[in-house]
N, C-alpha and C. Protein backbone atom coordinates (compact mmCIF):
# COMPACT_ATOMS: atom_id res chain seq x y z
N GLY A 1 -0.44 -20.51 -25.75
CA GLY A 1 -0.22 -21.81 -25.22
C GLY A 1 -1.68 -22.31 -24.54
N GLN A 2 -1.82 -23.53 -24.37
CA GLN A 2 -2.76 -24.25 -23.79
C GLN A 2 -2.68 -23.96 -22.18
N LEU A 3 -3.86 -23.69 -21.67
CA LEU A 3 -3.86 -23.71 -20.07
C LEU A 3 -4.35 -24.99 -19.54
N GLY A 4 -3.83 -25.65 -18.71
CA GLY A 4 -4.18 -26.88 -18.11
C GLY A 4 -5.52 -26.55 -17.21
N GLN A 5 -6.47 -27.50 -17.08
CA GLN A 5 -7.47 -27.28 -16.17
C GLN A 5 -7.68 -28.31 -14.91
N THR A 6 -7.98 -27.98 -13.82
CA THR A 6 -8.06 -29.01 -12.82
C THR A 6 -9.39 -28.83 -12.02
N LEU A 7 -9.87 -29.61 -11.44
CA LEU A 7 -11.00 -29.64 -10.37
C LEU A 7 -10.43 -29.44 -8.99
N ALA A 8 -10.69 -28.26 -8.38
CA ALA A 8 -10.40 -27.82 -7.14
C ALA A 8 -11.52 -28.43 -6.05
N ALA A 9 -11.20 -28.34 -4.85
CA ALA A 9 -12.02 -28.46 -3.79
C ALA A 9 -13.27 -27.78 -3.91
N GLY A 10 -14.32 -28.22 -3.75
CA GLY A 10 -15.62 -27.58 -3.94
C GLY A 10 -16.32 -27.57 -5.31
N GLY A 11 -15.61 -28.25 -6.25
CA GLY A 11 -16.03 -28.43 -7.35
C GLY A 11 -15.74 -27.33 -8.43
N GLN A 12 -14.75 -26.45 -8.04
CA GLN A 12 -14.65 -25.17 -8.93
C GLN A 12 -13.48 -25.49 -9.83
N ILE A 13 -13.55 -25.37 -11.08
CA ILE A 13 -12.58 -25.52 -12.01
C ILE A 13 -11.41 -24.43 -11.95
N GLN A 14 -10.24 -24.84 -12.04
CA GLN A 14 -9.08 -23.80 -11.95
C GLN A 14 -8.24 -24.33 -13.23
N VAL A 15 -7.57 -23.15 -13.51
CA VAL A 15 -6.58 -23.16 -14.62
C VAL A 15 -5.16 -22.90 -14.04
N ARG A 16 -4.14 -23.63 -14.81
CA ARG A 16 -2.83 -23.56 -14.44
C ARG A 16 -2.13 -22.57 -15.27
N CYS A 17 -1.33 -21.71 -14.57
CA CYS A 17 -0.62 -20.60 -15.32
C CYS A 17 0.54 -21.24 -16.25
N PRO A 18 0.48 -20.89 -17.31
CA PRO A 18 1.53 -21.47 -18.25
C PRO A 18 2.88 -20.72 -17.87
N ASN A 19 3.05 -19.84 -17.03
CA ASN A 19 4.26 -19.06 -16.83
C ASN A 19 4.89 -19.88 -15.57
N CYS A 20 4.06 -19.70 -14.48
CA CYS A 20 4.56 -20.31 -13.05
C CYS A 20 3.82 -21.42 -12.58
N HIS A 21 2.87 -21.95 -13.38
CA HIS A 21 2.31 -23.27 -13.08
C HIS A 21 1.28 -23.02 -11.80
N ALA A 22 1.10 -22.00 -11.27
CA ALA A 22 0.00 -21.76 -10.28
C ALA A 22 -1.34 -21.86 -10.58
N LEU A 23 -2.12 -22.63 -9.72
CA LEU A 23 -3.64 -22.80 -10.04
C LEU A 23 -4.29 -21.33 -9.66
N ASN A 24 -5.25 -21.05 -10.70
CA ASN A 24 -5.99 -19.80 -10.76
C ASN A 24 -7.58 -20.18 -10.77
N ALA A 25 -8.43 -19.44 -10.56
CA ALA A 25 -9.80 -19.41 -10.68
C ALA A 25 -9.97 -19.48 -12.32
N GLU A 26 -10.96 -20.25 -12.75
CA GLU A 26 -11.21 -20.31 -14.14
C GLU A 26 -11.41 -19.09 -14.74
N SER A 27 -12.18 -18.21 -14.02
CA SER A 27 -12.55 -16.96 -14.54
C SER A 27 -11.33 -15.84 -14.54
N ALA A 28 -10.16 -16.11 -13.87
CA ALA A 28 -8.96 -15.15 -13.93
C ALA A 28 -8.52 -14.88 -15.29
N LYS A 29 -8.32 -13.46 -15.46
CA LYS A 29 -7.46 -13.06 -16.76
C LYS A 29 -6.22 -12.86 -16.57
N PHE A 30 -5.59 -12.76 -15.39
CA PHE A 30 -4.04 -12.69 -14.98
C PHE A 30 -3.86 -13.84 -13.95
N CYS A 31 -2.69 -14.30 -13.82
CA CYS A 31 -2.42 -15.04 -12.87
C CYS A 31 -2.23 -14.36 -11.50
N ASN A 32 -2.86 -15.01 -10.30
CA ASN A 32 -2.85 -14.38 -9.20
C ASN A 32 -1.52 -14.41 -8.44
N SER A 33 -0.39 -15.27 -8.92
CA SER A 33 0.81 -15.58 -8.58
C SER A 33 1.84 -14.73 -9.09
N CYS A 34 1.86 -14.70 -10.69
CA CYS A 34 2.99 -14.01 -11.23
C CYS A 34 2.47 -13.02 -12.14
N GLY A 35 1.09 -12.74 -12.53
CA GLY A 35 0.62 -11.60 -13.29
C GLY A 35 0.47 -12.10 -14.78
N GLN A 36 0.69 -13.35 -15.20
CA GLN A 36 0.83 -13.76 -16.52
C GLN A 36 -0.40 -13.65 -16.91
N ALA A 37 -0.98 -12.92 -18.18
CA ALA A 37 -2.07 -13.08 -18.84
C ALA A 37 -2.63 -14.33 -18.91
N LEU A 38 -4.11 -14.80 -18.55
CA LEU A 38 -4.66 -16.03 -18.85
C LEU A 38 -5.77 -15.59 -19.78
N SER A 39 -6.74 -16.76 -20.03
CA SER A 39 -8.04 -16.56 -20.79
C SER A 39 -8.88 -15.84 -20.05
N PRO A 40 -9.57 -14.81 -20.89
CA PRO A 40 -10.65 -13.89 -20.00
C PRO A 40 -11.93 -14.60 -19.69
N ALA A 41 -12.37 -14.30 -18.51
CA ALA A 41 -13.70 -14.68 -18.18
C ALA A 41 -14.10 -13.87 -16.86
N PRO A 42 -15.56 -14.11 -16.45
CA PRO A 42 -16.01 -13.27 -15.32
C PRO A 42 -15.22 -13.53 -14.07
N ALA A 43 -15.38 -12.51 -13.10
CA ALA A 43 -14.89 -12.53 -11.77
C ALA A 43 -15.41 -13.63 -10.80
N PRO A 44 -14.39 -14.46 -9.90
CA PRO A 44 -14.69 -15.28 -9.26
C PRO A 44 -15.66 -14.93 -7.98
N ALA A 45 -16.34 -15.82 -7.45
CA ALA A 45 -17.19 -15.56 -6.19
C ALA A 45 -16.40 -16.10 -5.14
N GLY A 46 -16.94 -15.60 -3.80
CA GLY A 46 -16.04 -15.74 -2.62
C GLY A 46 -15.51 -14.73 -1.92
N ALA A 47 -14.75 -14.90 -0.74
CA ALA A 47 -14.01 -13.79 -0.19
C ALA A 47 -13.30 -12.96 -1.04
N THR A 48 -13.52 -11.43 -1.22
CA THR A 48 -12.88 -10.77 -2.29
C THR A 48 -12.18 -9.56 -1.76
N VAL A 49 -11.34 -9.02 -2.59
CA VAL A 49 -10.55 -7.70 -2.37
C VAL A 49 -11.02 -6.91 -3.62
N ALA A 50 -11.30 -5.69 -3.55
CA ALA A 50 -11.56 -4.75 -4.69
C ALA A 50 -10.14 -4.24 -5.22
N CYS A 51 -10.12 -4.29 -6.42
CA CYS A 51 -8.80 -3.65 -7.13
C CYS A 51 -8.88 -2.25 -7.00
N PRO A 52 -7.58 -1.70 -6.57
CA PRO A 52 -7.65 -0.27 -6.32
C PRO A 52 -7.50 0.50 -7.76
N LYS A 53 -7.34 -0.13 -8.78
CA LYS A 53 -7.22 0.44 -10.23
C LYS A 53 -8.41 0.39 -10.89
N CYS A 54 -9.10 -0.74 -11.07
CA CYS A 54 -10.33 -0.98 -11.93
C CYS A 54 -11.44 -1.34 -10.98
N GLY A 55 -11.16 -1.72 -9.68
CA GLY A 55 -12.68 -2.05 -8.97
C GLY A 55 -12.96 -3.40 -9.03
N THR A 56 -12.44 -4.21 -9.81
CA THR A 56 -12.84 -5.58 -9.94
C THR A 56 -12.78 -6.42 -8.52
N GLN A 57 -13.75 -7.27 -8.16
CA GLN A 57 -13.39 -7.99 -7.01
C GLN A 57 -12.58 -9.05 -7.36
N ASN A 58 -11.66 -9.33 -6.49
CA ASN A 58 -10.59 -10.64 -6.72
C ASN A 58 -10.71 -11.18 -5.33
N SER A 59 -10.17 -12.59 -5.61
CA SER A 59 -9.91 -13.47 -4.29
C SER A 59 -9.18 -12.69 -3.46
N ALA A 60 -9.50 -12.99 -2.03
CA ALA A 60 -8.96 -12.21 -1.03
C ALA A 60 -7.45 -12.64 -0.84
N THR A 61 -7.08 -13.92 -1.73
CA THR A 61 -5.57 -14.30 -1.58
C THR A 61 -4.70 -13.98 -2.82
N ALA A 62 -5.57 -13.48 -3.71
CA ALA A 62 -4.86 -12.90 -5.07
C ALA A 62 -3.74 -11.78 -4.78
N LYS A 63 -2.66 -12.00 -5.53
CA LYS A 63 -1.48 -10.91 -5.62
C LYS A 63 -1.63 -10.06 -6.73
N PHE A 64 -2.55 -10.35 -7.82
CA PHE A 64 -2.66 -9.54 -8.91
C PHE A 64 -4.23 -9.43 -9.33
N CYS A 65 -4.79 -8.61 -9.90
CA CYS A 65 -6.03 -8.35 -10.14
C CYS A 65 -6.22 -9.18 -11.31
N THR A 66 -7.35 -9.89 -11.41
CA THR A 66 -7.70 -11.10 -12.69
C THR A 66 -8.25 -10.17 -13.75
N ASN A 67 -8.62 -8.98 -13.75
CA ASN A 67 -9.05 -8.07 -14.82
C ASN A 67 -8.00 -7.25 -15.22
N CYS A 68 -7.05 -6.58 -14.67
CA CYS A 68 -6.07 -5.63 -14.99
C CYS A 68 -4.79 -5.80 -14.86
N GLY A 69 -4.61 -6.94 -14.04
CA GLY A 69 -3.23 -7.16 -13.63
C GLY A 69 -2.45 -6.37 -12.42
N GLN A 70 -3.25 -5.42 -12.09
CA GLN A 70 -2.84 -4.68 -10.94
C GLN A 70 -2.21 -5.20 -9.82
N THR A 71 -1.15 -4.96 -9.07
CA THR A 71 -0.81 -5.56 -7.88
C THR A 71 -1.65 -5.37 -6.80
N LEU A 72 -2.18 -6.53 -6.09
CA LEU A 72 -3.05 -6.30 -5.03
C LEU A 72 -2.70 -6.11 -3.63
N THR A 73 -1.31 -6.68 -3.53
CA THR A 73 -0.82 -6.85 -2.00
C THR A 73 -0.80 -5.52 -1.26
N GLY A 74 -1.47 -5.49 -0.32
CA GLY A 74 -1.82 -4.26 0.47
C GLY A 74 -2.56 -3.16 -0.14
N GLY A 75 -2.92 -3.14 -1.46
CA GLY A 75 -3.79 -2.21 -2.17
C GLY A 75 -5.06 -2.19 -2.12
N GLY A 76 -5.78 -3.54 -1.94
CA GLY A 76 -7.01 -3.72 -2.26
C GLY A 76 -7.93 -3.40 -0.91
N THR A 77 -9.21 -3.19 -1.03
CA THR A 77 -10.26 -3.08 -0.05
C THR A 77 -11.04 -4.18 0.19
N PRO A 78 -11.05 -4.74 1.44
CA PRO A 78 -11.76 -5.91 1.41
C PRO A 78 -13.34 -5.65 1.16
N ALA A 79 -14.09 -6.59 0.65
CA ALA A 79 -15.43 -6.56 0.41
C ALA A 79 -16.12 -7.73 0.86
N PRO A 80 -17.41 -7.67 1.38
CA PRO A 80 -18.08 -8.93 1.80
C PRO A 80 -18.32 -9.84 0.53
N ALA A 81 -18.38 -11.17 0.95
CA ALA A 81 -18.67 -12.36 -0.12
C ALA A 81 -20.17 -12.17 -0.36
N GLN A 82 -20.52 -12.40 -1.70
CA GLN A 82 -21.84 -12.21 -2.16
C GLN A 82 -22.34 -13.52 -2.54
């Protein structure tokens, strides 16, 4: 299915999840709200949490890893923004 795109505050493009309609970073591979697979792209910048499974840096507010879909709630390690 087609992913809707929208411009978020700060000029960042976000994609709307085709399953739950939550907005995600354009770079997300999985929805940070429901875990639905999205289009592949690099990891987003900003405040991040490392995935306990694959080590990918994810948004500090993400519930699921954008790379592997791992649940992040309470399982990530905070990392400094770069």
